[in-house]
């Protein structure tokens, strides 16, 4: 059950309760907390997306069809691969399904954004959104064709899967969501004690 506004953490004190202003969903356009959280979500998403896109363009132009570059001896190298599957290369026959899942994640985040008053949730969802958009861009625009494109992966730690910055953003966003859920913080800013 949500705590009262007085019992919330200092960051959450004074946040409007859903429906408090007489409208469904809580905050009105005059409430500063809503737009500020949306700006954080979209800023983080754009930064994550542009970093992913830029690094992929760079490594395809400079590293594809070349020998891997060792960054930390044989512990970490830059090696370009095209991944039609999911993490660790699983499910290469299901590229279209992964494309649909990425698109669905983007729609869910867009719907959640309407009720977003929590800064940590804005960061987490921004990372997920930017990462999903990065890999979806590959699936839509890269060979072999529309909705079947292979994702460009290039970060290769020793004895681990090759991945990209979009994958990193998705994983970091997911870990942050798990932590926030365990702490009882909801996207709307309410805190639950269980």
N, C-alpha and C. Protein backbone atom coordinates (compact mmCIF):
# COMPACT_ATOMS: atom_id res chain seq x y z
N UNK A 1 0.85 -1.18 0.00
CA UNK A 1 0.00 0.00 0.00
C UNK A 1 0.89 1.24 0.00
N UNK A 2 0.59 2.25 -0.82
CA UNK A 2 1.43 3.45 -0.87
C UNK A 2 1.46 4.17 0.46
N UNK A 3 2.62 4.74 0.78
CA UNK A 3 2.74 5.53 1.99
C UNK A 3 2.06 6.87 1.78
N UNK A 4 1.83 7.55 2.87
CA UNK A 4 1.28 8.90 2.77
C UNK A 4 2.36 9.84 2.28
N UNK A 5 2.01 10.99 1.70
CA UNK A 5 3.03 11.94 1.23
C UNK A 5 4.01 12.35 2.32
N UNK A 6 3.54 12.44 3.59
CA UNK A 6 4.42 12.86 4.68
C UNK A 6 5.46 11.80 4.97
N UNK A 7 5.16 10.51 4.72
CA UNK A 7 6.06 9.42 5.05
C UNK A 7 7.01 9.09 3.91
N UNK A 8 6.88 9.76 2.78
CA UNK A 8 7.74 9.48 1.64
C UNK A 8 9.15 9.96 1.89
N UNK A 9 10.08 9.44 1.07
CA UNK A 9 11.45 9.93 1.11
C UNK A 9 11.42 11.40 0.71
N UNK A 10 12.44 12.19 1.09
CA UNK A 10 12.44 13.63 0.78
C UNK A 10 12.23 13.92 -0.70
N UNK A 11 12.81 13.10 -1.61
CA UNK A 11 12.64 13.34 -3.04
C UNK A 11 11.17 13.26 -3.45
N UNK A 12 10.42 12.42 -2.72
CA UNK A 12 9.05 12.17 -3.13
C UNK A 12 8.04 13.06 -2.41
N UNK A 13 8.46 13.76 -1.36
CA UNK A 13 7.52 14.59 -0.62
C UNK A 13 6.96 15.68 -1.52
N UNK A 14 5.70 15.89 -1.42
CA UNK A 14 5.06 16.94 -2.19
C UNK A 14 4.64 16.51 -3.59
N UNK A 15 4.97 15.30 -4.01
CA UNK A 15 4.54 14.83 -5.33
C UNK A 15 3.03 14.61 -5.29
N UNK A 16 2.33 14.98 -6.35
CA UNK A 16 0.89 14.82 -6.34
C UNK A 16 0.49 13.36 -6.37
N UNK A 17 -0.53 13.04 -5.63
CA UNK A 17 -1.10 11.71 -5.66
C UNK A 17 -1.93 11.57 -6.92
N UNK A 18 -1.96 10.37 -7.53
CA UNK A 18 -2.83 10.20 -8.69
C UNK A 18 -4.25 10.56 -8.33
N UNK A 19 -4.87 11.40 -9.13
CA UNK A 19 -6.24 11.81 -8.90
C UNK A 19 -6.39 12.96 -7.91
N UNK A 20 -5.29 13.42 -7.30
CA UNK A 20 -5.36 14.45 -6.28
C UNK A 20 -5.90 15.76 -6.84
N UNK A 21 -5.65 16.03 -8.12
CA UNK A 21 -6.10 17.27 -8.71
C UNK A 21 -7.47 17.14 -9.37
N UNK A 22 -8.10 15.99 -9.15
CA UNK A 22 -9.43 15.80 -9.71
C UNK A 22 -9.41 15.17 -11.09
N UNK A 23 -8.23 14.95 -11.66
CA UNK A 23 -8.14 14.32 -12.97
C UNK A 23 -7.54 12.94 -12.82
N UNK A 24 -7.94 12.04 -13.70
CA UNK A 24 -7.36 10.71 -13.70
C UNK A 24 -5.89 10.82 -14.09
N UNK A 25 -5.03 10.07 -13.38
CA UNK A 25 -3.61 10.08 -13.70
C UNK A 25 -2.82 11.08 -12.89
N UNK A 26 -3.48 11.96 -12.12
CA UNK A 26 -2.73 12.79 -11.20
C UNK A 26 -2.38 14.16 -11.71
N UNK A 27 -1.14 14.37 -12.09
CA UNK A 27 -0.59 15.69 -12.32
C UNK A 27 -1.24 16.41 -13.49
N UNK A 28 -1.27 17.72 -13.37
CA UNK A 28 -1.75 18.56 -14.45
C UNK A 28 -0.56 19.14 -15.19
N UNK A 29 -0.81 19.89 -16.25
CA UNK A 29 0.27 20.49 -17.02
C UNK A 29 1.05 21.51 -16.19
N UNK A 30 0.45 22.04 -15.12
CA UNK A 30 1.12 23.03 -14.29
C UNK A 30 2.09 22.40 -13.30
N UNK A 31 2.04 21.08 -13.11
CA UNK A 31 2.92 20.41 -12.18
C UNK A 31 4.30 20.24 -12.82
N UNK A 32 5.36 20.77 -12.19
CA UNK A 32 6.68 20.73 -12.82
C UNK A 32 7.32 19.36 -12.84
N UNK A 33 6.93 18.44 -11.94
CA UNK A 33 7.61 17.15 -11.83
C UNK A 33 7.41 16.28 -13.06
N UNK A 34 6.24 16.28 -13.69
CA UNK A 34 5.99 15.45 -14.87
C UNK A 34 6.87 15.78 -16.05
N UNK A 35 6.84 17.00 -16.54
CA UNK A 35 7.66 17.34 -17.70
C UNK A 35 9.16 17.15 -17.45
N UNK A 36 9.61 17.45 -16.25
CA UNK A 36 11.04 17.30 -15.96
C UNK A 36 11.46 15.84 -16.08
N UNK A 37 10.63 14.92 -15.65
CA UNK A 37 10.95 13.49 -15.72
C UNK A 37 10.90 13.01 -17.16
N UNK A 38 9.97 13.52 -17.94
CA UNK A 38 9.91 13.16 -19.36
C UNK A 38 11.15 13.66 -20.08
N UNK A 39 11.60 14.84 -19.74
CA UNK A 39 12.80 15.38 -20.36
C UNK A 39 14.00 14.50 -20.04
N UNK A 40 14.09 14.01 -18.81
CA UNK A 40 15.19 13.11 -18.43
C UNK A 40 15.10 11.81 -19.22
N UNK A 41 13.91 11.23 -19.27
CA UNK A 41 13.72 9.98 -20.01
C UNK A 41 14.17 10.15 -21.46
N UNK A 42 13.68 11.18 -22.14
CA UNK A 42 14.00 11.34 -23.56
C UNK A 42 15.44 11.78 -23.78
N UNK A 43 16.02 12.54 -22.87
CA UNK A 43 17.42 12.92 -23.00
C UNK A 43 18.32 11.71 -22.87
N UNK A 44 18.08 10.87 -21.86
CA UNK A 44 18.86 9.65 -21.68
C UNK A 44 18.69 8.74 -22.89
N UNK A 45 17.46 8.60 -23.38
CA UNK A 45 17.20 7.75 -24.55
C UNK A 45 17.95 8.25 -25.78
N UNK A 46 17.90 9.55 -26.03
CA UNK A 46 18.57 10.12 -27.20
C UNK A 46 20.09 9.95 -27.09
N UNK A 47 20.64 10.21 -25.91
CA UNK A 47 22.09 10.06 -25.73
C UNK A 47 22.50 8.59 -25.94
N UNK A 48 21.77 7.67 -25.32
CA UNK A 48 22.09 6.24 -25.49
C UNK A 48 21.99 5.82 -26.95
N UNK A 49 20.93 6.28 -27.62
CA UNK A 49 20.72 5.94 -29.02
C UNK A 49 21.84 6.50 -29.91
N UNK A 50 22.17 7.77 -29.71
CA UNK A 50 23.20 8.39 -30.55
C UNK A 50 24.58 7.80 -30.31
N UNK A 51 24.91 7.47 -29.05
CA UNK A 51 26.18 6.80 -28.77
C UNK A 51 26.24 5.44 -29.45
N UNK A 52 25.14 4.69 -29.37
CA UNK A 52 25.09 3.38 -30.01
C UNK A 52 25.22 3.51 -31.53
N UNK A 53 24.43 4.39 -32.12
CA UNK A 53 24.44 4.57 -33.57
C UNK A 53 25.82 5.05 -34.04
N UNK A 54 26.38 6.03 -33.35
CA UNK A 54 27.68 6.56 -33.74
C UNK A 54 28.79 5.53 -33.66
N UNK A 55 28.80 4.74 -32.58
CA UNK A 55 29.86 3.73 -32.45
C UNK A 55 29.69 2.64 -33.50
N UNK A 56 28.45 2.27 -33.81
CA UNK A 56 28.23 1.25 -34.84
C UNK A 56 28.68 1.75 -36.21
N UNK A 57 28.35 2.98 -36.54
CA UNK A 57 28.78 3.54 -37.82
C UNK A 57 30.31 3.57 -37.90
N UNK A 58 30.95 3.95 -36.81
CA UNK A 58 32.40 4.04 -36.77
C UNK A 58 33.06 2.66 -36.92
N UNK A 59 32.59 1.68 -36.14
CA UNK A 59 33.25 0.37 -36.21
C UNK A 59 32.98 -0.33 -37.54
N UNK A 60 31.79 -0.14 -38.13
CA UNK A 60 31.54 -0.73 -39.45
C UNK A 60 32.46 -0.10 -40.49
N UNK A 61 32.63 1.20 -40.43
CA UNK A 61 33.48 1.90 -41.41
C UNK A 61 34.96 1.59 -41.22
N UNK A 62 35.40 1.45 -39.96
CA UNK A 62 36.83 1.34 -39.70
C UNK A 62 37.33 -0.06 -39.33
N UNK A 63 36.45 -0.90 -38.77
CA UNK A 63 36.93 -2.18 -38.24
C UNK A 63 36.39 -3.41 -38.96
N UNK A 64 35.25 -3.28 -39.63
CA UNK A 64 34.68 -4.46 -40.28
C UNK A 64 35.64 -4.96 -41.35
N UNK A 65 35.78 -6.29 -41.43
CA UNK A 65 36.67 -6.96 -42.38
C UNK A 65 38.15 -6.73 -42.05
N UNK A 66 38.43 -6.37 -40.80
CA UNK A 66 39.81 -6.22 -40.33
C UNK A 66 40.00 -7.12 -39.12
N UNK A 67 41.24 -7.35 -38.77
CA UNK A 67 41.55 -8.14 -37.58
C UNK A 67 41.06 -7.40 -36.33
N UNK A 68 40.65 -8.15 -35.30
CA UNK A 68 40.22 -7.50 -34.05
C UNK A 68 41.33 -6.63 -33.46
N UNK A 69 40.93 -5.60 -32.75
CA UNK A 69 41.88 -4.70 -32.07
C UNK A 69 41.87 -5.04 -30.59
N UNK A 70 43.02 -5.40 -30.06
CA UNK A 70 43.13 -5.71 -28.64
C UNK A 70 43.23 -4.41 -27.86
N UNK A 71 42.32 -4.25 -26.90
CA UNK A 71 42.29 -3.04 -26.07
C UNK A 71 42.99 -3.30 -24.75
N UNK A 72 42.68 -4.42 -24.11
CA UNK A 72 43.31 -4.81 -22.84
C UNK A 72 43.90 -6.22 -23.02
N UNK A 73 44.94 -6.30 -23.80
CA UNK A 73 45.54 -7.60 -24.09
C UNK A 73 44.51 -8.50 -24.74
N UNK A 74 44.46 -9.75 -24.30
CA UNK A 74 43.43 -10.64 -24.83
C UNK A 74 42.17 -10.65 -23.95
N UNK A 75 42.12 -9.76 -22.95
CA UNK A 75 40.96 -9.69 -22.05
C UNK A 75 39.79 -8.93 -22.66
N UNK A 76 40.10 -7.98 -23.53
CA UNK A 76 39.03 -7.18 -24.14
C UNK A 76 39.49 -6.70 -25.50
N UNK A 77 38.65 -6.92 -26.52
CA UNK A 77 39.00 -6.48 -27.86
C UNK A 77 37.78 -5.94 -28.59
N UNK A 78 38.04 -5.21 -29.64
CA UNK A 78 37.00 -4.71 -30.54
C UNK A 78 36.98 -5.63 -31.75
N UNK A 79 35.86 -6.31 -31.94
CA UNK A 79 35.71 -7.28 -33.03
C UNK A 79 34.29 -7.15 -33.59
N UNK A 80 34.15 -6.81 -34.83
CA UNK A 80 32.83 -6.59 -35.44
C UNK A 80 32.23 -7.92 -35.89
N UNK A 81 31.01 -8.18 -35.41
CA UNK A 81 30.22 -9.31 -35.90
C UNK A 81 28.82 -8.81 -36.20
N UNK A 82 28.11 -9.54 -37.03
CA UNK A 82 26.70 -9.26 -37.31
C UNK A 82 25.88 -10.35 -36.63
N UNK A 83 24.97 -9.94 -35.76
CA UNK A 83 24.20 -10.87 -34.95
C UNK A 83 22.73 -10.79 -35.35
N UNK A 84 22.24 -11.84 -36.00
CA UNK A 84 20.83 -11.88 -36.40
C UNK A 84 19.94 -12.38 -35.26
N UNK A 85 20.53 -12.91 -34.21
CA UNK A 85 19.76 -13.47 -33.11
C UNK A 85 19.65 -12.51 -31.93
N UNK A 86 19.43 -13.12 -30.77
CA UNK A 86 19.34 -12.34 -29.53
C UNK A 86 20.69 -12.40 -28.84
N UNK A 87 20.70 -12.19 -27.54
CA UNK A 87 21.93 -12.25 -26.76
C UNK A 87 22.62 -13.59 -26.96
N UNK A 88 23.93 -13.55 -27.04
CA UNK A 88 24.77 -14.73 -27.22
C UNK A 88 24.50 -15.44 -28.56
N UNK A 89 23.85 -14.76 -29.49
CA UNK A 89 23.61 -15.33 -30.82
C UNK A 89 22.49 -16.34 -30.88
N UNK A 90 21.73 -16.50 -29.80
CA UNK A 90 20.63 -17.46 -29.81
C UNK A 90 19.47 -16.95 -30.66
N UNK A 91 18.76 -17.85 -31.29
CA UNK A 91 17.52 -17.52 -31.99
C UNK A 91 17.69 -16.79 -33.30
N UNK A 92 18.73 -17.13 -34.08
CA UNK A 92 18.97 -16.42 -35.33
C UNK A 92 17.82 -16.59 -36.32
N UNK A 93 17.02 -17.62 -36.16
CA UNK A 93 15.89 -17.84 -37.06
C UNK A 93 14.67 -16.99 -36.68
N UNK A 94 14.77 -16.25 -35.57
CA UNK A 94 13.64 -15.49 -35.06
C UNK A 94 13.86 -13.99 -35.08
N UNK A 95 14.61 -13.50 -36.05
CA UNK A 95 14.94 -12.08 -36.11
C UNK A 95 13.70 -11.20 -36.12
N UNK A 96 12.68 -11.58 -36.87
CA UNK A 96 11.45 -10.77 -36.94
C UNK A 96 10.78 -10.71 -35.57
N UNK A 97 10.81 -11.79 -34.83
CA UNK A 97 10.20 -11.80 -33.49
C UNK A 97 10.94 -10.82 -32.58
N UNK A 98 12.28 -10.78 -32.65
CA UNK A 98 13.05 -9.84 -31.83
C UNK A 98 12.74 -8.40 -32.24
N UNK A 99 12.49 -8.19 -33.50
CA UNK A 99 12.13 -6.86 -33.99
C UNK A 99 10.79 -6.43 -33.40
N UNK A 100 9.83 -7.33 -33.40
CA UNK A 100 8.50 -7.03 -32.84
C UNK A 100 8.60 -6.79 -31.34
N UNK A 101 9.42 -7.57 -30.64
CA UNK A 101 9.59 -7.38 -29.19
C UNK A 101 10.18 -6.01 -28.91
N UNK A 102 11.20 -5.62 -29.67
CA UNK A 102 11.82 -4.29 -29.47
C UNK A 102 10.80 -3.19 -29.69
N UNK A 103 9.98 -3.32 -30.73
CA UNK A 103 8.94 -2.32 -31.01
C UNK A 103 7.92 -2.28 -29.87
N UNK A 104 7.55 -3.44 -29.33
CA UNK A 104 6.60 -3.50 -28.22
C UNK A 104 7.17 -2.84 -26.97
N UNK A 105 8.44 -3.04 -26.69
CA UNK A 105 9.09 -2.40 -25.54
C UNK A 105 9.00 -0.88 -25.68
N UNK A 106 9.24 -0.37 -26.87
CA UNK A 106 9.18 1.07 -27.10
C UNK A 106 7.77 1.59 -26.85
N UNK A 107 6.76 0.86 -27.29
CA UNK A 107 5.37 1.28 -27.07
C UNK A 107 5.03 1.27 -25.58
N UNK A 108 5.46 0.24 -24.86
CA UNK A 108 5.19 0.15 -23.42
C UNK A 108 5.85 1.32 -22.68
N UNK A 109 7.09 1.63 -23.03
CA UNK A 109 7.78 2.75 -22.37
C UNK A 109 7.06 4.06 -22.67
N UNK A 110 6.61 4.24 -23.90
CA UNK A 110 5.87 5.46 -24.25
C UNK A 110 4.59 5.58 -23.42
N UNK A 111 3.92 4.47 -23.19
CA UNK A 111 2.69 4.49 -22.37
C UNK A 111 3.02 4.77 -20.90
N UNK A 112 4.10 4.17 -20.39
CA UNK A 112 4.50 4.41 -19.00
C UNK A 112 4.92 5.85 -18.77
N UNK A 113 5.46 6.47 -19.79
CA UNK A 113 5.98 7.84 -19.66
C UNK A 113 4.90 8.83 -19.23
N UNK A 114 3.66 8.56 -19.54
CA UNK A 114 2.57 9.46 -19.15
C UNK A 114 2.43 9.58 -17.64
N UNK A 115 2.85 8.55 -16.90
CA UNK A 115 2.70 8.53 -15.44
C UNK A 115 4.05 8.59 -14.73
N UNK A 116 5.05 9.13 -15.38
CA UNK A 116 6.42 9.07 -14.88
C UNK A 116 6.76 10.31 -14.04
N UNK A 117 6.95 10.09 -12.73
CA UNK A 117 7.32 11.17 -11.81
C UNK A 117 8.59 10.83 -11.04
N UNK A 118 9.19 9.69 -11.31
CA UNK A 118 10.37 9.24 -10.57
C UNK A 118 11.62 9.42 -11.44
N UNK A 119 12.60 10.14 -10.91
CA UNK A 119 13.85 10.34 -11.64
C UNK A 119 14.59 9.03 -11.91
N UNK A 120 14.75 8.13 -10.91
CA UNK A 120 15.43 6.87 -11.20
C UNK A 120 14.72 6.04 -12.28
N UNK A 121 13.38 6.04 -12.26
CA UNK A 121 12.64 5.32 -13.29
C UNK A 121 12.82 5.99 -14.66
N UNK A 122 12.92 7.31 -14.68
CA UNK A 122 13.16 8.01 -15.95
C UNK A 122 14.51 7.61 -16.52
N UNK A 123 15.52 7.49 -15.67
CA UNK A 123 16.84 7.05 -16.12
C UNK A 123 16.79 5.62 -16.66
N UNK A 124 16.15 4.73 -15.90
CA UNK A 124 16.07 3.32 -16.30
C UNK A 124 15.32 3.16 -17.61
N UNK A 125 14.16 3.80 -17.71
CA UNK A 125 13.36 3.68 -18.94
C UNK A 125 14.04 4.36 -20.12
N UNK A 126 14.76 5.44 -19.86
CA UNK A 126 15.52 6.10 -20.92
C UNK A 126 16.60 5.19 -21.48
N UNK A 127 17.32 4.47 -20.59
CA UNK A 127 18.32 3.51 -21.04
C UNK A 127 17.69 2.40 -21.87
N UNK A 128 16.57 1.86 -21.38
CA UNK A 128 15.87 0.81 -22.14
C UNK A 128 15.40 1.31 -23.50
N UNK A 129 14.82 2.50 -23.51
CA UNK A 129 14.31 3.07 -24.76
C UNK A 129 15.44 3.31 -25.76
N UNK A 130 16.52 3.93 -25.32
CA UNK A 130 17.65 4.18 -26.21
C UNK A 130 18.26 2.90 -26.75
N UNK A 131 18.42 1.90 -25.89
CA UNK A 131 18.96 0.61 -26.33
C UNK A 131 18.04 -0.11 -27.29
N UNK A 132 16.76 -0.12 -26.98
CA UNK A 132 15.79 -0.78 -27.87
C UNK A 132 15.76 -0.10 -29.23
N UNK A 133 15.79 1.24 -29.24
CA UNK A 133 15.81 1.96 -30.51
C UNK A 133 17.08 1.68 -31.31
N UNK A 134 18.22 1.57 -30.61
CA UNK A 134 19.49 1.29 -31.28
C UNK A 134 19.48 -0.04 -31.99
N UNK A 135 19.05 -1.09 -31.29
CA UNK A 135 19.02 -2.41 -31.92
C UNK A 135 17.88 -2.51 -32.94
N UNK A 136 16.77 -1.82 -32.70
CA UNK A 136 15.68 -1.83 -33.68
C UNK A 136 16.12 -1.15 -34.98
N UNK A 137 16.92 -0.11 -34.88
CA UNK A 137 17.43 0.55 -36.08
C UNK A 137 18.23 -0.44 -36.93
N UNK A 138 19.06 -1.25 -36.28
CA UNK A 138 19.80 -2.27 -37.02
C UNK A 138 18.86 -3.28 -37.67
N UNK A 139 17.87 -3.73 -36.91
CA UNK A 139 16.95 -4.75 -37.43
C UNK A 139 16.16 -4.22 -38.63
N UNK A 140 15.85 -2.94 -38.64
CA UNK A 140 15.05 -2.37 -39.72
C UNK A 140 15.91 -2.02 -40.94
N UNK A 141 17.10 -1.46 -40.73
CA UNK A 141 17.85 -0.88 -41.84
C UNK A 141 19.07 -1.67 -42.31
N UNK A 142 19.54 -2.63 -41.58
CA UNK A 142 20.75 -3.35 -42.00
C UNK A 142 20.40 -4.61 -42.77
N UNK A 143 21.39 -5.12 -43.51
CA UNK A 143 21.24 -6.36 -44.28
C UNK A 143 20.96 -7.51 -43.31
N UNK A 144 20.19 -8.50 -43.73
CA UNK A 144 19.80 -8.81 -45.09
C UNK A 144 18.55 -8.09 -45.59
N UNK A 145 17.79 -7.40 -44.72
CA UNK A 145 16.64 -6.69 -45.23
C UNK A 145 15.74 -6.18 -44.12
N UNK A 146 14.70 -5.48 -44.53
CA UNK A 146 13.74 -4.85 -43.62
C UNK A 146 13.20 -5.84 -42.60
N UNK A 147 13.29 -5.49 -41.32
CA UNK A 147 12.86 -6.26 -40.15
C UNK A 147 13.66 -7.52 -39.92
N UNK A 148 14.66 -7.80 -40.75
CA UNK A 148 15.47 -8.99 -40.59
C UNK A 148 16.96 -8.66 -40.47
N UNK A 149 17.28 -7.40 -40.27
CA UNK A 149 18.67 -6.98 -40.23
C UNK A 149 19.43 -7.55 -39.05
N UNK A 150 20.72 -7.73 -39.24
CA UNK A 150 21.59 -8.22 -38.18
C UNK A 150 22.14 -7.04 -37.39
N UNK A 151 22.15 -7.18 -36.09
CA UNK A 151 22.66 -6.14 -35.19
C UNK A 151 24.19 -6.16 -35.22
N UNK A 152 24.79 -4.98 -35.24
CA UNK A 152 26.25 -4.86 -35.21
C UNK A 152 26.71 -4.93 -33.75
N UNK A 153 27.52 -5.94 -33.45
CA UNK A 153 28.12 -6.10 -32.12
C UNK A 153 29.62 -5.96 -32.28
N UNK A 154 30.29 -5.37 -31.28
CA UNK A 154 31.73 -5.13 -31.44
C UNK A 154 32.53 -5.13 -30.14
N UNK A 155 31.90 -5.12 -29.00
CA UNK A 155 32.61 -5.15 -27.71
C UNK A 155 32.77 -6.60 -27.30
N UNK A 156 34.03 -7.06 -27.20
CA UNK A 156 34.28 -8.49 -27.01
C UNK A 156 35.18 -8.78 -25.82
N UNK A 157 34.59 -8.91 -24.61
CA UNK A 157 35.40 -9.35 -23.47
C UNK A 157 35.78 -10.82 -23.64
N UNK A 158 36.87 -11.22 -23.03
CA UNK A 158 37.32 -12.62 -23.11
C UNK A 158 36.29 -13.54 -22.48
N UNK A 159 35.99 -14.64 -23.15
CA UNK A 159 35.07 -15.68 -22.67
C UNK A 159 33.66 -15.14 -22.40
N UNK A 160 33.23 -14.18 -23.20
CA UNK A 160 31.88 -13.63 -23.04
C UNK A 160 31.34 -13.30 -24.43
N UNK A 161 30.07 -13.04 -24.52
CA UNK A 161 29.43 -12.71 -25.79
C UNK A 161 29.90 -11.34 -26.29
N UNK A 162 29.89 -11.17 -27.60
CA UNK A 162 30.18 -9.87 -28.20
C UNK A 162 28.89 -9.06 -28.16
N UNK A 163 28.98 -7.78 -27.76
CA UNK A 163 27.78 -6.96 -27.60
C UNK A 163 28.06 -5.55 -28.08
N UNK A 164 27.08 -4.65 -27.91
CA UNK A 164 27.22 -3.25 -28.34
C UNK A 164 26.70 -2.33 -27.24
N UNK A 165 26.75 -1.03 -27.47
CA UNK A 165 26.31 -0.07 -26.45
C UNK A 165 24.80 -0.15 -26.20
N UNK A 166 24.01 -0.48 -27.22
CA UNK A 166 22.56 -0.64 -27.01
C UNK A 166 22.29 -1.78 -26.03
N UNK A 167 23.01 -2.89 -26.20
CA UNK A 167 22.86 -4.01 -25.27
C UNK A 167 23.22 -3.59 -23.85
N UNK A 168 24.30 -2.82 -23.73
CA UNK A 168 24.72 -2.33 -22.41
C UNK A 168 23.66 -1.44 -21.78
N UNK A 169 23.06 -0.56 -22.57
CA UNK A 169 22.02 0.32 -22.06
C UNK A 169 20.81 -0.48 -21.60
N UNK A 170 20.43 -1.50 -22.37
CA UNK A 170 19.28 -2.34 -22.01
C UNK A 170 19.55 -3.08 -20.70
N UNK A 171 20.73 -3.65 -20.58
CA UNK A 171 21.07 -4.40 -19.36
C UNK A 171 21.12 -3.47 -18.15
N UNK A 172 21.77 -2.32 -18.29
CA UNK A 172 21.84 -1.36 -17.17
C UNK A 172 20.45 -0.86 -16.78
N UNK A 173 19.62 -0.55 -17.76
CA UNK A 173 18.25 -0.13 -17.48
C UNK A 173 17.46 -1.23 -16.78
N UNK A 174 17.63 -2.47 -17.23
CA UNK A 174 16.94 -3.60 -16.61
C UNK A 174 17.37 -3.82 -15.18
N UNK A 175 18.67 -3.73 -14.92
CA UNK A 175 19.17 -3.90 -13.55
C UNK A 175 18.63 -2.79 -12.65
N UNK A 176 18.61 -1.57 -13.15
CA UNK A 176 18.08 -0.45 -12.36
C UNK A 176 16.59 -0.65 -12.06
N UNK A 177 15.83 -1.17 -13.01
CA UNK A 177 14.40 -1.44 -12.78
C UNK A 177 14.22 -2.49 -11.69
N UNK A 178 15.04 -3.53 -11.71
CA UNK A 178 14.95 -4.57 -10.67
C UNK A 178 15.25 -3.96 -9.30
N UNK A 179 16.29 -3.14 -9.21
CA UNK A 179 16.65 -2.50 -7.94
C UNK A 179 15.51 -1.60 -7.46
N UNK A 180 14.96 -0.79 -8.36
CA UNK A 180 13.86 0.10 -7.99
C UNK A 180 12.64 -0.68 -7.52
N UNK A 181 12.37 -1.79 -8.18
CA UNK A 181 11.22 -2.61 -7.80
C UNK A 181 11.43 -3.22 -6.41
N UNK A 182 12.65 -3.70 -6.14
CA UNK A 182 12.93 -4.26 -4.81
C UNK A 182 12.87 -3.19 -3.73
N UNK A 183 13.20 -1.95 -4.07
CA UNK A 183 13.14 -0.86 -3.10
C UNK A 183 11.72 -0.32 -2.93
N UNK A 184 10.79 -0.76 -3.78
CA UNK A 184 9.40 -0.36 -3.65
C UNK A 184 9.06 0.96 -4.31
N UNK A 185 9.93 1.46 -5.18
CA UNK A 185 9.66 2.72 -5.85
C UNK A 185 8.95 2.47 -7.18
N UNK A 186 7.81 3.09 -7.35
CA UNK A 186 7.02 2.96 -8.59
C UNK A 186 7.32 4.09 -9.55
N UNK A 187 7.05 3.88 -10.85
CA UNK A 187 7.29 4.95 -11.83
C UNK A 187 6.55 6.26 -11.52
N UNK A 188 5.41 6.16 -10.83
CA UNK A 188 4.66 7.37 -10.52
C UNK A 188 5.21 8.11 -9.30
N UNK A 189 6.28 7.58 -8.72
CA UNK A 189 6.93 8.24 -7.59
C UNK A 189 6.49 7.75 -6.23
N UNK A 190 5.48 6.90 -6.16
CA UNK A 190 5.06 6.39 -4.87
C UNK A 190 6.04 5.34 -4.37
N UNK A 191 6.16 5.23 -3.04
CA UNK A 191 7.05 4.26 -2.42
C UNK A 191 6.20 3.29 -1.62
N UNK A 192 6.47 2.00 -1.78
CA UNK A 192 5.72 0.98 -1.08
C UNK A 192 6.63 0.30 -0.06
N UNK A 193 6.07 -0.01 1.10
CA UNK A 193 6.79 -0.82 2.08
C UNK A 193 6.12 -2.18 2.10
N UNK A 194 6.90 -3.19 1.83
CA UNK A 194 6.36 -4.56 1.83
C UNK A 194 7.08 -5.42 2.83
